[in-house]
Amino acid sequence: MAYDLKTVRLDKLNIPAETLRQSATPAADAKLKLSLEEQGVLVPFVVSRYNKTEYAVWDGTRITRLLRELGKAG
């Protein structure tokens, strides 16, 4: 099985409901937001093609959600 590493715009990521992480606390989210602002995304997401223009996020959903909350649209 081959994998590709590519850059995908945040607004092209779709988060399937079954992958949403429910265990994060507000304190943990605040800590991760601070890390994202200071260091950016350090670990690639796992995604699959959702349709012709979007990707489904399978690993990295919490970071995707927090980046959107921080206003990182593209």
Protein backbone atom coordinates (compact mmCIF):
# COMPACT_ATOMS: atom_id res chain seq x y z
CA MET A 1 0.00 0.00 0.00
CA ALA A 2 1.42 3.40 -0.97
CA TYR A 3 0.91 6.65 0.88
CA ASP A 4 1.39 10.19 -0.34
CA LEU A 5 2.34 13.20 1.73
CA LYS A 6 0.66 16.32 0.39
CA THR A 7 -0.46 19.72 1.56
CA VAL A 8 -4.24 20.19 1.75
CA ARG A 9 -6.01 23.43 2.63
CA LEU A 10 -7.85 23.35 5.96
CA ASP A 11 -11.10 24.41 4.30
CA LYS A 12 -10.92 21.27 2.12
CA LEU A 13 -11.01 18.93 5.15
CA ASN A 14 -14.26 17.27 6.16
CA ILE A 15 -14.56 15.70 9.64
CA PRO A 16 -16.78 12.59 9.60
CA ALA A 17 -19.01 12.44 12.71
CA GLU A 18 -17.71 8.98 13.66
CA THR A 19 -14.17 10.33 14.03
CA LEU A 20 -14.93 13.26 16.35
CA ARG A 21 -12.99 13.02 19.58
CA GLN A 22 -15.18 13.46 22.65
CA SER A 23 -12.59 13.12 25.43
CA ALA A 24 -10.78 16.48 25.23
CA THR A 25 -11.25 18.89 28.13
CA PRO A 26 -11.37 22.68 27.71
CA ALA A 27 -7.98 22.91 29.48
CA ALA A 28 -6.44 20.37 27.09
CA ASP A 29 -7.90 22.23 24.10
CA ALA A 30 -6.47 25.53 25.39
CA LYS A 31 -3.04 23.94 25.80
CA LEU A 32 -3.13 22.46 22.30
CA LYS A 33 -4.32 25.77 20.80
CA LEU A 34 -1.35 27.53 22.39
CA SER A 35 0.98 24.90 20.96
CA LEU A 36 -0.58 25.26 17.51
CA GLU A 37 -0.15 29.03 17.62
CA GLU A 38 3.48 28.79 18.74
CA GLN A 39 4.71 25.76 16.77
CA GLY A 40 2.10 24.98 14.12
CA VAL A 41 1.09 21.47 13.14
CA LEU A 42 3.93 19.06 13.91
CA VAL A 43 2.36 15.74 12.92
CA PRO A 44 0.66 15.05 9.54
CA PHE A 45 -3.04 14.20 9.50
CA VAL A 46 -4.39 10.94 8.10
CA VAL A 47 -6.95 11.72 5.41
CA SER A 48 -8.70 10.02 2.53
CA ARG A 49 -10.38 11.41 -0.55
CA TYR A 50 -13.94 12.47 0.37
CA ASN A 51 -15.01 13.74 -3.04
CA LYS A 52 -13.30 15.48 -5.96
CA THR A 53 -12.35 18.56 -3.91
CA GLU A 54 -12.40 17.51 -0.24
CA TYR A 55 -10.69 15.05 2.09
CA ALA A 56 -12.08 13.20 5.13
CA VAL A 57 -9.92 13.50 8.26
CA TRP A 58 -9.40 10.21 10.10
CA ASP A 59 -6.57 11.16 12.41
CA GLY A 60 -6.13 14.82 13.31
CA THR A 61 -9.77 15.77 13.79
CA ARG A 62 -9.19 17.59 17.07
CA ILE A 63 -6.37 19.66 15.62
CA THR A 64 -8.48 20.42 12.54
CA ARG A 65 -11.33 21.64 14.78
CA LEU A 66 -9.00 23.77 16.91
CA LEU A 67 -7.27 25.31 13.87
CA ARG A 68 -10.69 26.36 12.60
CA GLU A 69 -11.50 27.89 15.99
CA LEU A 70 -8.23 29.83 15.76
CA GLY A 71 -9.33 31.20 12.38
CA LYS A 72 -6.80 29.32 10.27
CA ALA A 73 -8.99 28.96 7.19
CA GLY A 74 -6.56 28.09 4.44
